[in-house]
Each structure stands twice: as structure tokens, then as C-alpha cells.
Amino acid sequence: MLTVARAAFRSVGRLVPGPVRRVVGFDLKGLVSLALFVVRRRHGVPPGAVPVSYAGGQLTVQLAFLFVMALEAVGAELLLRGLDAPSGLHAVILMVDLYSVLIVLAVIAACVTRPHVVSDDELRIRYGAFFDLRVPRERIASVRLARNFNESGMVRVEDERLAVAVSSQTNVVVELDEPITAVRPLGRRAEVRTIRFFADDPKAVLGSGFGAVHGTAPERL
């Protein structure tokens, strides 16, 4: 019976477009991240590994956005009461507003509880629940500082160059000796040889056993 149920579940899953499944997965991972945030734990940081945060670079903007959404939910509630809206419409709009606030909280929690990770085996580059790339250490040719304040998009690939930006910024560049496959948030795959990402403290990456060449000149992807 259990086997039949699993087969049925997989069949239904195949009918759902891949991007939709990934979006649902983002929401679920975000809710898990909220629970981790509450108990002050981080995801995917093994003993001896170095967590490298990136949430600080966008926290002010995220909190401002959360405040606006909460204010909008309160305003909609007062407006519906003033218009004596039907209870069904009232309940639907309230649920949508509350769910939107919950998702923003989940995104913030995911960025806090899912940092970049430097371990003996790999450099793990992440952006909340949306992106996760494991780079084996043996593939890394060099790591250096290079600040860029003009990145476009959150995760972008162009000519084998990947940018994982926070508030349009990156400050660490990783050069690989051969390309690896990166999976973008909605499932598209790309081969990348150069990776740019943001870290609140980029020197924490450079101080984790990489033979880094320091630099400050901005580079465009």
C-alpha cells in the first residue's frame, strides 16, 4: 500500500512543472529555516567548518520591506472593517497578507541560518533557500577580494561567470581550474569557471586556507 502511495505521489509530482515544484520547495525550506532561527541553529555547517554570513548586507532593506508589508496588512484590515466587507473576502485577504509576511520572515531566516560554508573539502556558496553551490577545494585555483557594487539580479550567469549578489554587491572572486555545474533557482543549469559572491566578512573566506591574492579593483561580470 505504501509503495502504491509513493508511486502515485511521484506521478502527481511529474505533472507539476519543475519551476513550481522548486518554488514550493523554497517555501518549505524557508519554514524550516524559521524553526532553525528560533532555536538558534544553522543548516549545513558541519563541525570544524567556517560559516561565512552574508545576511548583514541586506538585513536593513529586508526589515524595512517586512515593516511595510505588516503595515499594509493592518491597513487592509482596517479598510475592510470600515467597508463592512463580507467575512469570506475578509478572511481571504487576511490570510494572503499574513502568508506574505510569513514568507518574508522565512526568507530572512533562511539567509541567516544558511550561510556560506568553508570546510576542508569544499566551499559552499548559498543564498537562503534559493541557491546552493558546492565547490570542491581541488577545483579552486585562486580566491581574491574584488568589490563590485553594480551587480544585477540575485543569481546571474554570463560567459561561464556566476554572480551571487546581495544588495547588488559581490566582494569575493573564486577562479576554478575547470568548470563546474551550477543550478540556478528555477532549475536551469550552467557551466561556470569564475564565481563572484558577497560575504559580510570576506577576509573570513581568505583566511580559511586559500592561497589568496588580495585585490580591491571592481570587476564587472
N, C-alpha and C. Protein backbone atom coordinates (compact mmCIF):
# COMPACT_ATOMS: atom_id res chain seq x y z
N MET A 1 0.83 -1.20 0.00
CA MET A 1 0.00 0.00 0.00
C MET A 1 0.87 1.26 0.00
N LEU A 2 1.93 1.23 0.82
CA LEU A 2 2.84 2.37 0.89
C LEU A 2 3.55 2.58 -0.44
N THR A 3 3.93 1.48 -1.11
CA THR A 3 4.59 1.58 -2.41
C THR A 3 3.68 2.22 -3.44
N VAL A 4 2.40 1.81 -3.42
CA VAL A 4 1.42 2.38 -4.36
C VAL A 4 1.26 3.87 -4.11
N ALA A 5 1.22 4.27 -2.82
CA ALA A 5 1.06 5.67 -2.48
C ALA A 5 2.26 6.49 -2.96
N ARG A 6 3.45 5.93 -2.78
CA ARG A 6 4.65 6.64 -3.25
C ARG A 6 4.65 6.80 -4.76
N ALA A 7 4.26 5.75 -5.46
CA ALA A 7 4.20 5.80 -6.92
C ALA A 7 3.19 6.85 -7.38
N ALA A 8 2.05 6.90 -6.69
CA ALA A 8 1.03 7.89 -7.04
C ALA A 8 1.54 9.30 -6.78
N PHE A 9 2.25 9.47 -5.68
CA PHE A 9 2.80 10.79 -5.35
C PHE A 9 3.81 11.23 -6.40
N ARG A 10 4.68 10.31 -6.83
CA ARG A 10 5.66 10.65 -7.86
C ARG A 10 4.97 10.98 -9.18
N SER A 11 3.89 10.27 -9.51
CA SER A 11 3.16 10.54 -10.75
C SER A 11 2.55 11.93 -10.72
N VAL A 12 1.96 12.28 -9.59
CA VAL A 12 1.39 13.62 -9.47
C VAL A 12 2.49 14.68 -9.56
N GLY A 13 3.63 14.40 -8.92
CA GLY A 13 4.75 15.34 -8.94
C GLY A 13 5.25 15.60 -10.34
N ARG A 14 5.25 14.56 -11.19
CA ARG A 14 5.71 14.74 -12.57
C ARG A 14 4.78 15.64 -13.37
N LEU A 15 3.51 15.74 -12.96
CA LEU A 15 2.55 16.60 -13.65
C LEU A 15 2.74 18.07 -13.30
N VAL A 16 3.40 18.34 -12.19
CA VAL A 16 3.63 19.71 -11.76
C VAL A 16 4.92 20.22 -12.41
N PRO A 17 4.88 21.38 -13.07
CA PRO A 17 6.09 21.91 -13.70
C PRO A 17 7.24 22.05 -12.70
N GLY A 18 8.46 21.82 -13.20
CA GLY A 18 9.64 21.88 -12.34
C GLY A 18 9.78 23.19 -11.58
N PRO A 19 9.63 24.36 -12.24
CA PRO A 19 9.75 25.63 -11.51
C PRO A 19 8.75 25.75 -10.37
N VAL A 20 7.53 25.22 -10.56
CA VAL A 20 6.53 25.29 -9.50
C VAL A 20 6.97 24.44 -8.30
N ARG A 21 7.51 23.24 -8.60
CA ARG A 21 8.00 22.38 -7.52
C ARG A 21 9.12 23.06 -6.75
N ARG A 22 9.98 23.76 -7.48
CA ARG A 22 11.10 24.42 -6.81
C ARG A 22 10.61 25.57 -5.93
N VAL A 23 9.61 26.33 -6.40
CA VAL A 23 9.07 27.43 -5.60
C VAL A 23 8.44 26.89 -4.31
N VAL A 24 7.70 25.78 -4.43
CA VAL A 24 7.12 25.15 -3.24
C VAL A 24 8.23 24.70 -2.30
N GLY A 25 9.30 24.17 -2.88
CA GLY A 25 10.44 23.75 -2.07
C GLY A 25 11.08 24.92 -1.34
N PHE A 26 11.16 26.09 -2.00
CA PHE A 26 11.70 27.28 -1.34
C PHE A 26 10.88 27.63 -0.10
N ASP A 27 9.55 27.59 -0.26
CA ASP A 27 8.68 27.91 0.87
C ASP A 27 8.89 26.94 2.04
N LEU A 28 8.99 25.65 1.71
CA LEU A 28 9.17 24.65 2.77
C LEU A 28 10.52 24.83 3.47
N LYS A 29 11.58 25.07 2.68
CA LYS A 29 12.90 25.28 3.28
C LYS A 29 12.90 26.56 4.13
N GLY A 30 12.15 27.55 3.67
CA GLY A 30 12.06 28.79 4.44
C GLY A 30 11.40 28.57 5.78
N LEU A 31 10.35 27.77 5.81
CA LEU A 31 9.67 27.48 7.08
C LEU A 31 10.58 26.68 8.02
N VAL A 32 11.36 25.75 7.44
CA VAL A 32 12.34 25.01 8.25
C VAL A 32 13.38 25.99 8.80
N SER A 33 13.78 26.96 7.98
CA SER A 33 14.76 27.95 8.43
C SER A 33 14.22 28.79 9.57
N LEU A 34 12.92 29.08 9.54
CA LEU A 34 12.32 29.82 10.65
C LEU A 34 12.46 29.04 11.96
N ALA A 35 12.21 27.74 11.89
CA ALA A 35 12.35 26.90 13.08
C ALA A 35 13.81 26.88 13.55
N LEU A 36 14.75 26.79 12.60
CA LEU A 36 16.17 26.81 12.96
C LEU A 36 16.56 28.14 13.60
N PHE A 37 16.00 29.21 13.08
CA PHE A 37 16.30 30.54 13.61
C PHE A 37 15.83 30.66 15.06
N VAL A 38 14.65 30.12 15.32
CA VAL A 38 14.08 30.19 16.67
C VAL A 38 14.96 29.45 17.68
N VAL A 39 15.48 28.30 17.27
CA VAL A 39 16.32 27.51 18.19
C VAL A 39 17.81 27.83 18.05
N ARG A 40 18.11 28.88 17.25
CA ARG A 40 19.50 29.36 17.10
C ARG A 40 20.43 28.30 16.55
N ARG A 41 20.01 27.65 15.49
CA ARG A 41 20.85 26.67 14.83
C ARG A 41 21.03 27.05 13.36
N ARG A 42 22.10 26.53 12.76
CA ARG A 42 22.36 26.80 11.35
C ARG A 42 22.31 25.50 10.56
N HIS A 43 21.98 25.62 9.30
CA HIS A 43 21.83 24.46 8.43
C HIS A 43 23.11 24.23 7.64
N GLY A 44 23.56 22.97 7.61
CA GLY A 44 24.67 22.60 6.74
C GLY A 44 26.03 23.14 7.15
N VAL A 45 26.25 23.31 8.45
CA VAL A 45 27.57 23.75 8.94
C VAL A 45 28.15 22.63 9.79
N PRO A 46 28.96 21.74 9.21
CA PRO A 46 29.50 20.61 9.98
C PRO A 46 30.54 21.05 10.98
N PRO A 47 30.86 20.22 11.96
CA PRO A 47 31.89 20.55 12.94
C PRO A 47 33.22 20.85 12.25
N GLY A 48 33.86 21.90 12.68
CA GLY A 48 35.15 22.29 12.12
C GLY A 48 35.06 23.20 10.92
N ALA A 49 33.89 23.35 10.32
CA ALA A 49 33.72 24.22 9.16
C ALA A 49 33.57 25.67 9.61
N VAL A 50 33.82 26.59 8.68
CA VAL A 50 33.74 28.02 8.97
C VAL A 50 32.50 28.59 8.29
N PRO A 51 31.49 29.04 9.05
CA PRO A 51 30.34 29.70 8.44
C PRO A 51 30.68 31.14 8.08
N VAL A 52 30.26 31.58 6.92
CA VAL A 52 30.52 32.94 6.45
C VAL A 52 29.18 33.59 6.14
N SER A 53 28.79 34.54 6.95
CA SER A 53 27.47 35.15 6.79
C SER A 53 27.44 36.15 5.63
N TYR A 54 26.26 36.37 5.10
CA TYR A 54 26.03 37.38 4.07
C TYR A 54 24.74 38.15 4.33
N ALA A 55 23.99 37.75 5.37
CA ALA A 55 22.68 38.34 5.64
C ALA A 55 22.79 39.80 6.05
N GLY A 56 23.89 40.18 6.69
CA GLY A 56 24.03 41.56 7.17
C GLY A 56 23.99 42.59 6.07
N GLY A 57 24.40 42.21 4.87
CA GLY A 57 24.44 43.15 3.76
C GLY A 57 23.08 43.56 3.25
N GLN A 58 22.03 42.89 3.68
CA GLN A 58 20.69 43.21 3.17
C GLN A 58 19.64 43.27 4.27
N LEU A 59 20.04 43.05 5.53
CA LEU A 59 19.07 42.93 6.61
C LEU A 59 18.24 44.20 6.79
N THR A 60 18.86 45.37 6.67
CA THR A 60 18.13 46.62 6.85
C THR A 60 17.01 46.75 5.81
N VAL A 61 17.34 46.44 4.56
CA VAL A 61 16.33 46.51 3.50
C VAL A 61 15.22 45.49 3.73
N GLN A 62 15.59 44.29 4.11
CA GLN A 62 14.59 43.25 4.35
C GLN A 62 13.65 43.63 5.50
N LEU A 63 14.21 44.17 6.58
CA LEU A 63 13.37 44.56 7.71
C LEU A 63 12.45 45.72 7.33
N ALA A 64 12.94 46.64 6.51
CA ALA A 64 12.09 47.75 6.06
C ALA A 64 10.94 47.21 5.21
N PHE A 65 11.25 46.25 4.33
CA PHE A 65 10.23 45.64 3.49
C PHE A 65 9.20 44.90 4.35
N LEU A 66 9.68 44.20 5.38
CA LEU A 66 8.79 43.49 6.28
C LEU A 66 7.87 44.46 7.01
N PHE A 67 8.41 45.59 7.46
CA PHE A 67 7.60 46.59 8.15
C PHE A 67 6.51 47.14 7.24
N VAL A 68 6.85 47.42 5.99
CA VAL A 68 5.86 47.94 5.04
C VAL A 68 4.76 46.92 4.81
N MET A 69 5.13 45.64 4.67
CA MET A 69 4.13 44.60 4.44
C MET A 69 3.21 44.43 5.65
N ALA A 70 3.79 44.48 6.85
CA ALA A 70 2.96 44.39 8.06
C ALA A 70 2.03 45.59 8.17
N LEU A 71 2.54 46.78 7.84
CA LEU A 71 1.71 47.99 7.86
C LEU A 71 0.58 47.88 6.84
N GLU A 72 0.88 47.33 5.67
CA GLU A 72 -0.14 47.15 4.64
C GLU A 72 -1.22 46.18 5.11
N ALA A 73 -0.81 45.11 5.80
CA ALA A 73 -1.78 44.14 6.30
C ALA A 73 -2.72 44.79 7.32
N VAL A 74 -2.17 45.62 8.20
CA VAL A 74 -3.00 46.32 9.19
C VAL A 74 -3.94 47.30 8.50
N GLY A 75 -3.41 48.02 7.49
CA GLY A 75 -4.24 48.97 6.75
C GLY A 75 -5.39 48.29 6.01
N ALA A 76 -5.08 47.14 5.39
CA ALA A 76 -6.14 46.40 4.69
C ALA A 76 -7.20 45.91 5.65
N GLU A 77 -6.78 45.46 6.82
CA GLU A 77 -7.72 45.00 7.84
C GLU A 77 -8.66 46.12 8.27
N LEU A 78 -8.10 47.30 8.53
CA LEU A 78 -8.93 48.44 8.95
C LEU A 78 -9.87 48.88 7.83
N LEU A 79 -9.37 48.86 6.59
CA LEU A 79 -10.20 49.26 5.46
C LEU A 79 -11.37 48.31 5.26
N LEU A 80 -11.11 47.01 5.33
CA LEU A 80 -12.17 46.03 5.15
C LEU A 80 -13.23 46.14 6.25
N ARG A 81 -12.76 46.42 7.46
CA ARG A 81 -13.72 46.61 8.55
C ARG A 81 -14.57 47.85 8.32
N GLY A 82 -13.92 48.91 7.83
CA GLY A 82 -14.65 50.14 7.58
C GLY A 82 -15.67 50.00 6.46
N LEU A 83 -15.36 49.17 5.47
CA LEU A 83 -16.27 48.94 4.35
C LEU A 83 -17.28 47.85 4.64
N ASP A 84 -17.18 47.25 5.83
CA ASP A 84 -18.06 46.14 6.21
C ASP A 84 -18.03 45.04 5.15
N ALA A 85 -16.80 44.65 4.75
CA ALA A 85 -16.63 43.64 3.69
C ALA A 85 -17.17 42.29 4.16
N PRO A 86 -17.59 41.46 3.19
CA PRO A 86 -18.07 40.11 3.55
C PRO A 86 -16.99 39.35 4.31
N SER A 87 -17.40 38.53 5.24
CA SER A 87 -16.44 37.80 6.07
C SER A 87 -15.54 36.89 5.25
N GLY A 88 -16.09 36.30 4.17
CA GLY A 88 -15.27 35.43 3.32
C GLY A 88 -14.14 36.18 2.66
N LEU A 89 -14.44 37.35 2.07
CA LEU A 89 -13.40 38.18 1.44
C LEU A 89 -12.40 38.66 2.49
N HIS A 90 -12.93 39.04 3.63
CA HIS A 90 -12.09 39.50 4.74
C HIS A 90 -11.08 38.41 5.12
N ALA A 91 -11.54 37.19 5.25
CA ALA A 91 -10.67 36.09 5.67
C ALA A 91 -9.60 35.79 4.61
N VAL A 92 -10.00 35.81 3.32
CA VAL A 92 -9.05 35.51 2.24
C VAL A 92 -7.93 36.54 2.20
N ILE A 93 -8.29 37.82 2.24
CA ILE A 93 -7.27 38.87 2.17
C ILE A 93 -6.37 38.83 3.40
N LEU A 94 -6.94 38.58 4.55
CA LEU A 94 -6.14 38.48 5.77
C LEU A 94 -5.15 37.33 5.68
N MET A 95 -5.59 36.19 5.17
CA MET A 95 -4.70 35.04 5.04
C MET A 95 -3.57 35.32 4.06
N VAL A 96 -3.89 35.98 2.95
CA VAL A 96 -2.86 36.31 1.96
C VAL A 96 -1.82 37.25 2.56
N ASP A 97 -2.30 38.27 3.29
CA ASP A 97 -1.37 39.22 3.91
C ASP A 97 -0.49 38.55 4.96
N LEU A 98 -1.08 37.72 5.79
CA LEU A 98 -0.31 37.05 6.82
C LEU A 98 0.70 36.07 6.22
N TYR A 99 0.29 35.37 5.14
CA TYR A 99 1.21 34.44 4.50
C TYR A 99 2.38 35.20 3.86
N SER A 100 2.10 36.37 3.28
CA SER A 100 3.17 37.17 2.67
C SER A 100 4.18 37.60 3.73
N VAL A 101 3.69 38.03 4.89
CA VAL A 101 4.59 38.41 5.98
C VAL A 101 5.41 37.21 6.44
N LEU A 102 4.76 36.05 6.52
CA LEU A 102 5.45 34.83 6.94
C LEU A 102 6.57 34.47 5.97
N ILE A 103 6.31 34.61 4.67
CA ILE A 103 7.31 34.26 3.67
C ILE A 103 8.51 35.20 3.75
N VAL A 104 8.26 36.49 3.98
CA VAL A 104 9.38 37.43 4.13
C VAL A 104 10.22 37.06 5.35
N LEU A 105 9.55 36.71 6.44
CA LEU A 105 10.28 36.25 7.63
C LEU A 105 11.09 35.00 7.31
N ALA A 106 10.51 34.10 6.51
CA ALA A 106 11.21 32.86 6.15
C ALA A 106 12.44 33.15 5.30
N VAL A 107 12.33 34.11 4.38
CA VAL A 107 13.48 34.48 3.55
C VAL A 107 14.61 35.04 4.42
N ILE A 108 14.25 35.92 5.36
CA ILE A 108 15.26 36.48 6.27
C ILE A 108 15.92 35.36 7.08
N ALA A 109 15.09 34.47 7.63
CA ALA A 109 15.62 33.37 8.44
C ALA A 109 16.52 32.45 7.62
N ALA A 110 16.14 32.20 6.37
CA ALA A 110 16.94 31.31 5.52
C ALA A 110 18.31 31.90 5.24
N CYS A 111 18.37 33.22 5.03
CA CYS A 111 19.66 33.85 4.77
C CYS A 111 20.55 33.83 6.01
N VAL A 112 19.94 33.91 7.19
CA VAL A 112 20.71 33.89 8.43
C VAL A 112 21.19 32.48 8.77
N THR A 113 20.30 31.49 8.60
CA THR A 113 20.61 30.13 9.05
C THR A 113 21.31 29.28 7.99
N ARG A 114 21.42 29.79 6.76
CA ARG A 114 22.09 29.05 5.68
C ARG A 114 23.24 29.90 5.13
N PRO A 115 24.30 30.08 5.90
CA PRO A 115 25.44 30.90 5.46
C PRO A 115 26.27 30.16 4.41
N HIS A 116 27.22 30.89 3.82
CA HIS A 116 28.26 30.20 3.06
C HIS A 116 29.05 29.35 4.06
N VAL A 117 29.67 28.30 3.56
CA VAL A 117 30.43 27.41 4.45
C VAL A 117 31.77 27.05 3.80
N VAL A 118 32.85 27.21 4.58
CA VAL A 118 34.17 26.77 4.13
C VAL A 118 34.58 25.58 4.99
N SER A 119 34.80 24.44 4.34
CA SER A 119 35.22 23.24 5.06
C SER A 119 36.50 22.70 4.44
N ASP A 120 37.00 21.60 4.97
CA ASP A 120 38.22 21.01 4.43
C ASP A 120 38.03 20.49 3.02
N ASP A 121 36.79 20.19 2.65
CA ASP A 121 36.52 19.56 1.35
C ASP A 121 35.97 20.52 0.31
N GLU A 122 35.30 21.58 0.74
CA GLU A 122 34.59 22.39 -0.24
C GLU A 122 34.34 23.81 0.27
N LEU A 123 33.99 24.66 -0.71
CA LEU A 123 33.44 25.98 -0.44
C LEU A 123 31.98 25.93 -0.88
N ARG A 124 31.08 26.15 0.05
CA ARG A 124 29.65 26.08 -0.24
C ARG A 124 29.10 27.49 -0.30
N ILE A 125 28.59 27.89 -1.45
CA ILE A 125 28.08 29.24 -1.67
C ILE A 125 26.56 29.17 -1.74
N ARG A 126 25.89 29.98 -0.91
CA ARG A 126 24.43 29.88 -0.83
C ARG A 126 23.77 31.25 -0.84
N TYR A 127 22.49 31.23 -1.15
CA TYR A 127 21.65 32.41 -0.94
C TYR A 127 20.32 31.90 -0.40
N GLY A 128 20.19 31.93 0.92
CA GLY A 128 18.97 31.46 1.57
C GLY A 128 18.59 30.07 1.10
N ALA A 129 17.29 29.90 0.81
CA ALA A 129 16.79 28.62 0.32
C ALA A 129 16.83 28.55 -1.20
N PHE A 130 17.27 29.64 -1.86
CA PHE A 130 17.14 29.74 -3.31
C PHE A 130 18.32 29.18 -4.10
N PHE A 131 19.50 29.18 -3.50
CA PHE A 131 20.68 28.79 -4.28
C PHE A 131 21.68 28.09 -3.38
N ASP A 132 22.30 27.04 -3.91
CA ASP A 132 23.27 26.26 -3.14
C ASP A 132 24.26 25.62 -4.11
N LEU A 133 25.49 26.06 -4.04
CA LEU A 133 26.53 25.54 -4.93
C LEU A 133 27.70 25.04 -4.10
N ARG A 134 28.09 23.78 -4.30
CA ARG A 134 29.23 23.19 -3.62
C ARG A 134 30.42 23.17 -4.57
N VAL A 135 31.48 23.84 -4.16
CA VAL A 135 32.69 23.93 -4.98
C VAL A 135 33.79 23.11 -4.32
N PRO A 136 34.20 21.99 -4.91
CA PRO A 136 35.29 21.20 -4.31
C PRO A 136 36.58 22.01 -4.22
N ARG A 137 37.29 21.87 -3.13
CA ARG A 137 38.53 22.64 -2.94
C ARG A 137 39.55 22.38 -4.05
N GLU A 138 39.59 21.12 -4.53
CA GLU A 138 40.61 20.81 -5.53
C GLU A 138 40.35 21.51 -6.86
N ARG A 139 39.13 22.03 -7.05
CA ARG A 139 38.82 22.75 -8.28
C ARG A 139 39.17 24.23 -8.19
N ILE A 140 39.47 24.73 -6.99
CA ILE A 140 39.69 26.16 -6.79
C ILE A 140 41.15 26.51 -7.09
N ALA A 141 41.33 27.41 -8.08
CA ALA A 141 42.67 27.86 -8.45
C ALA A 141 43.10 29.07 -7.62
N SER A 142 42.17 29.98 -7.32
CA SER A 142 42.52 31.16 -6.52
C SER A 142 41.27 31.78 -5.94
N VAL A 143 41.46 32.53 -4.85
CA VAL A 143 40.38 33.29 -4.20
C VAL A 143 40.95 34.67 -3.90
N ARG A 144 40.20 35.71 -4.25
CA ARG A 144 40.69 37.07 -4.02
C ARG A 144 39.52 38.02 -3.73
N LEU A 145 39.86 39.17 -3.18
CA LEU A 145 38.88 40.22 -2.95
C LEU A 145 38.74 41.08 -4.20
N ALA A 146 37.52 41.40 -4.57
CA ALA A 146 37.26 42.32 -5.68
C ALA A 146 35.84 42.83 -5.51
N ARG A 147 35.69 44.06 -5.06
CA ARG A 147 34.37 44.60 -4.76
C ARG A 147 33.68 45.10 -6.03
N ASN A 148 32.39 44.77 -6.12
CA ASN A 148 31.58 45.26 -7.23
C ASN A 148 30.23 45.67 -6.66
N PHE A 149 29.83 46.90 -6.92
CA PHE A 149 28.58 47.43 -6.38
C PHE A 149 27.49 47.54 -7.44
N ASN A 150 27.73 46.96 -8.60
CA ASN A 150 26.79 47.12 -9.72
C ASN A 150 26.28 45.80 -10.27
N GLU A 151 26.17 44.79 -9.43
CA GLU A 151 25.65 43.51 -9.90
C GLU A 151 24.15 43.63 -10.19
N SER A 152 23.69 42.88 -11.16
CA SER A 152 22.27 42.88 -11.48
C SER A 152 21.69 41.50 -11.20
N GLY A 153 20.59 41.45 -10.46
CA GLY A 153 19.96 40.19 -10.13
C GLY A 153 20.61 39.52 -8.93
N MET A 154 19.94 38.48 -8.46
CA MET A 154 20.44 37.75 -7.30
C MET A 154 21.44 36.67 -7.71
N VAL A 155 21.09 35.87 -8.71
CA VAL A 155 21.96 34.83 -9.23
C VAL A 155 22.00 34.98 -10.75
N ARG A 156 23.17 35.27 -11.30
CA ARG A 156 23.27 35.51 -12.73
C ARG A 156 24.50 34.80 -13.30
N VAL A 157 24.34 34.24 -14.50
CA VAL A 157 25.46 33.56 -15.17
C VAL A 157 25.61 34.17 -16.56
N GLU A 158 26.86 34.51 -16.88
CA GLU A 158 27.16 35.05 -18.20
C GLU A 158 28.57 34.63 -18.59
N ASP A 159 28.69 33.94 -19.71
CA ASP A 159 30.00 33.52 -20.22
C ASP A 159 30.82 32.77 -19.16
N GLU A 160 30.21 31.75 -18.56
CA GLU A 160 30.86 30.91 -17.54
C GLU A 160 31.26 31.70 -16.30
N ARG A 161 30.64 32.84 -16.07
CA ARG A 161 30.90 33.63 -14.87
C ARG A 161 29.61 33.74 -14.08
N LEU A 162 29.65 33.33 -12.84
CA LEU A 162 28.49 33.32 -11.95
C LEU A 162 28.61 34.43 -10.93
N ALA A 163 27.52 35.16 -10.71
CA ALA A 163 27.46 36.18 -9.66
C ALA A 163 26.31 35.83 -8.72
N VAL A 164 26.62 35.74 -7.43
CA VAL A 164 25.60 35.54 -6.39
C VAL A 164 25.67 36.81 -5.53
N ALA A 165 24.77 37.74 -5.79
CA ALA A 165 24.87 39.08 -5.23
C ALA A 165 23.93 39.29 -4.05
N VAL A 166 24.32 40.20 -3.18
CA VAL A 166 23.49 40.65 -2.06
C VAL A 166 23.42 42.17 -2.15
N SER A 167 22.21 42.70 -2.32
CA SER A 167 22.03 44.15 -2.48
C SER A 167 22.92 44.70 -3.59
N SER A 168 22.98 43.97 -4.71
CA SER A 168 23.74 44.36 -5.90
C SER A 168 25.25 44.37 -5.67
N GLN A 169 25.72 43.66 -4.65
CA GLN A 169 27.14 43.66 -4.33
C GLN A 169 27.74 42.25 -4.34
N THR A 170 28.99 42.18 -4.76
CA THR A 170 29.83 41.00 -4.54
C THR A 170 31.19 41.51 -4.08
N ASN A 171 31.93 40.68 -3.34
CA ASN A 171 33.25 41.14 -2.89
C ASN A 171 34.30 40.03 -2.82
N VAL A 172 33.94 38.82 -3.25
CA VAL A 172 34.90 37.72 -3.31
C VAL A 172 34.83 37.09 -4.70
N VAL A 173 35.98 36.81 -5.28
CA VAL A 173 36.04 36.16 -6.59
C VAL A 173 36.79 34.84 -6.45
N VAL A 174 36.19 33.79 -6.95
CA VAL A 174 36.79 32.45 -6.94
C VAL A 174 37.03 32.02 -8.39
N GLU A 175 38.26 31.70 -8.71
CA GLU A 175 38.62 31.20 -10.03
C GLU A 175 38.81 29.68 -9.94
N LEU A 176 38.23 28.94 -10.89
CA LEU A 176 38.34 27.49 -10.91
C LEU A 176 39.27 27.03 -12.01
N ASP A 177 39.88 25.88 -11.81
CA ASP A 177 40.78 25.36 -12.85
C ASP A 177 40.02 24.67 -13.96
N GLU A 178 38.76 24.32 -13.71
CA GLU A 178 37.88 23.79 -14.76
C GLU A 178 36.43 24.05 -14.34
N PRO A 179 35.50 24.12 -15.29
CA PRO A 179 34.12 24.50 -14.97
C PRO A 179 33.42 23.45 -14.10
N ILE A 180 32.45 23.94 -13.32
CA ILE A 180 31.53 23.07 -12.58
C ILE A 180 30.11 23.50 -12.94
N THR A 181 29.15 22.64 -12.63
CA THR A 181 27.75 22.91 -12.97
C THR A 181 27.05 23.61 -11.82
N ALA A 182 26.42 24.74 -12.12
CA ALA A 182 25.63 25.48 -11.14
C ALA A 182 24.16 25.37 -11.54
N VAL A 183 23.30 25.13 -10.55
CA VAL A 183 21.86 25.05 -10.78
C VAL A 183 21.23 26.33 -10.27
N ARG A 184 20.63 27.09 -11.16
CA ARG A 184 20.02 28.36 -10.79
C ARG A 184 18.69 28.13 -10.06
N PRO A 185 18.15 29.17 -9.40
CA PRO A 185 16.97 28.97 -8.53
C PRO A 185 15.81 28.22 -9.17
N LEU A 186 15.50 28.47 -10.44
CA LEU A 186 14.36 27.80 -11.06
C LEU A 186 14.76 26.54 -11.83
N GLY A 187 16.00 26.08 -11.65
CA GLY A 187 16.37 24.78 -12.19
C GLY A 187 17.27 24.79 -13.40
N ARG A 188 17.49 25.94 -14.03
CA ARG A 188 18.37 25.98 -15.19
C ARG A 188 19.81 25.73 -14.78
N ARG A 189 20.54 24.99 -15.60
CA ARG A 189 21.92 24.62 -15.30
C ARG A 189 22.88 25.39 -16.19
N ALA A 190 24.06 25.68 -15.65
CA ALA A 190 25.07 26.39 -16.41
C ALA A 190 26.45 25.97 -15.92
N GLU A 191 27.39 25.93 -16.85
CA GLU A 191 28.78 25.65 -16.50
C GLU A 191 29.47 26.96 -16.14
N VAL A 192 30.15 26.98 -14.99
CA VAL A 192 30.80 28.22 -14.54
C VAL A 192 32.25 27.96 -14.19
N ARG A 193 33.08 28.93 -14.50
CA ARG A 193 34.51 28.83 -14.20
C ARG A 193 34.96 29.93 -13.22
N THR A 194 34.22 31.02 -13.18
CA THR A 194 34.51 32.12 -12.26
C THR A 194 33.26 32.38 -11.43
N ILE A 195 33.43 32.56 -10.12
CA ILE A 195 32.30 32.77 -9.21
C ILE A 195 32.55 34.02 -8.39
N ARG A 196 31.58 34.91 -8.40
CA ARG A 196 31.62 36.10 -7.55
C ARG A 196 30.49 35.99 -6.54
N PHE A 197 30.78 36.30 -5.27
CA PHE A 197 29.72 36.28 -4.27
C PHE A 197 30.01 37.29 -3.19
N PHE A 198 29.02 37.53 -2.33
CA PHE A 198 29.15 38.52 -1.27
C PHE A 198 29.29 37.83 0.08
N ALA A 199 30.15 38.37 0.92
CA ALA A 199 30.29 37.91 2.31
C ALA A 199 30.36 39.13 3.20
N ASP A 200 29.69 39.07 4.36
CA ASP A 200 29.78 40.19 5.30
C ASP A 200 31.22 40.44 5.71
N ASP A 201 31.99 39.38 5.89
CA ASP A 201 33.41 39.48 6.21
C ASP A 201 34.21 38.66 5.21
N PRO A 202 34.54 39.23 4.06
CA PRO A 202 35.23 38.44 3.03
C PRO A 202 36.57 37.88 3.47
N LYS A 203 37.21 38.54 4.44
CA LYS A 203 38.51 38.04 4.90
C LYS A 203 38.38 36.70 5.63
N ALA A 204 37.15 36.39 6.08
CA ALA A 204 36.93 35.09 6.70
C ALA A 204 37.08 33.97 5.68
N VAL A 205 36.76 34.27 4.41
CA VAL A 205 36.96 33.29 3.34
C VAL A 205 38.44 33.18 3.02
N LEU A 206 39.10 34.33 2.90
CA LEU A 206 40.52 34.33 2.54
C LEU A 206 41.37 33.70 3.63
N GLY A 207 40.90 33.77 4.89
CA GLY A 207 41.67 33.23 5.98
C GLY A 207 41.38 31.79 6.29
N SER A 208 40.71 31.09 5.36
CA SER A 208 40.31 29.70 5.60
C SER A 208 41.15 28.71 4.80
N GLY A 209 42.42 29.04 4.62
CA GLY A 209 43.34 28.09 3.99
C GLY A 209 43.49 28.24 2.50
N PHE A 210 42.92 29.30 1.90
CA PHE A 210 43.08 29.50 0.46
C PHE A 210 44.30 30.36 0.21
N GLY A 211 45.02 30.04 -0.86
CA GLY A 211 46.13 30.88 -1.26
C GLY A 211 45.60 32.05 -2.05
N ALA A 212 45.23 33.12 -1.35
CA ALA A 212 44.51 34.21 -1.97
C ALA A 212 45.46 35.31 -2.45
N VAL A 213 45.03 35.96 -3.50
CA VAL A 213 45.69 37.17 -3.98
C VAL A 213 44.73 38.31 -3.68
N HIS A 214 45.12 39.25 -2.84
CA HIS A 214 44.23 40.33 -2.44
C HIS A 214 44.18 41.38 -3.54
N GLY A 215 42.98 41.91 -3.72
CA GLY A 215 42.80 42.98 -4.68
C GLY A 215 41.60 43.80 -4.32
N THR A 216 41.50 45.01 -4.82
CA THR A 216 40.36 45.87 -4.50
C THR A 216 39.68 46.43 -5.73
N ALA A 217 40.25 46.24 -6.89
CA ALA A 217 39.67 46.82 -8.09
C ALA A 217 38.35 46.13 -8.44
N PRO A 218 37.28 46.93 -8.70
CA PRO A 218 36.00 46.32 -9.05
C PRO A 218 36.06 45.67 -10.42
N GLU A 219 35.31 44.61 -10.58
CA GLU A 219 35.23 43.91 -11.85
C GLU A 219 33.78 43.71 -12.22
N ARG A 220 33.47 43.86 -13.47
CA ARG A 220 32.12 43.68 -13.95
C ARG A 220 31.95 42.29 -14.55
N LEU A 221 30.80 41.66 -14.28
CA LEU A 221 30.51 40.36 -14.91
C LEU A 221 29.65 40.58 -16.12
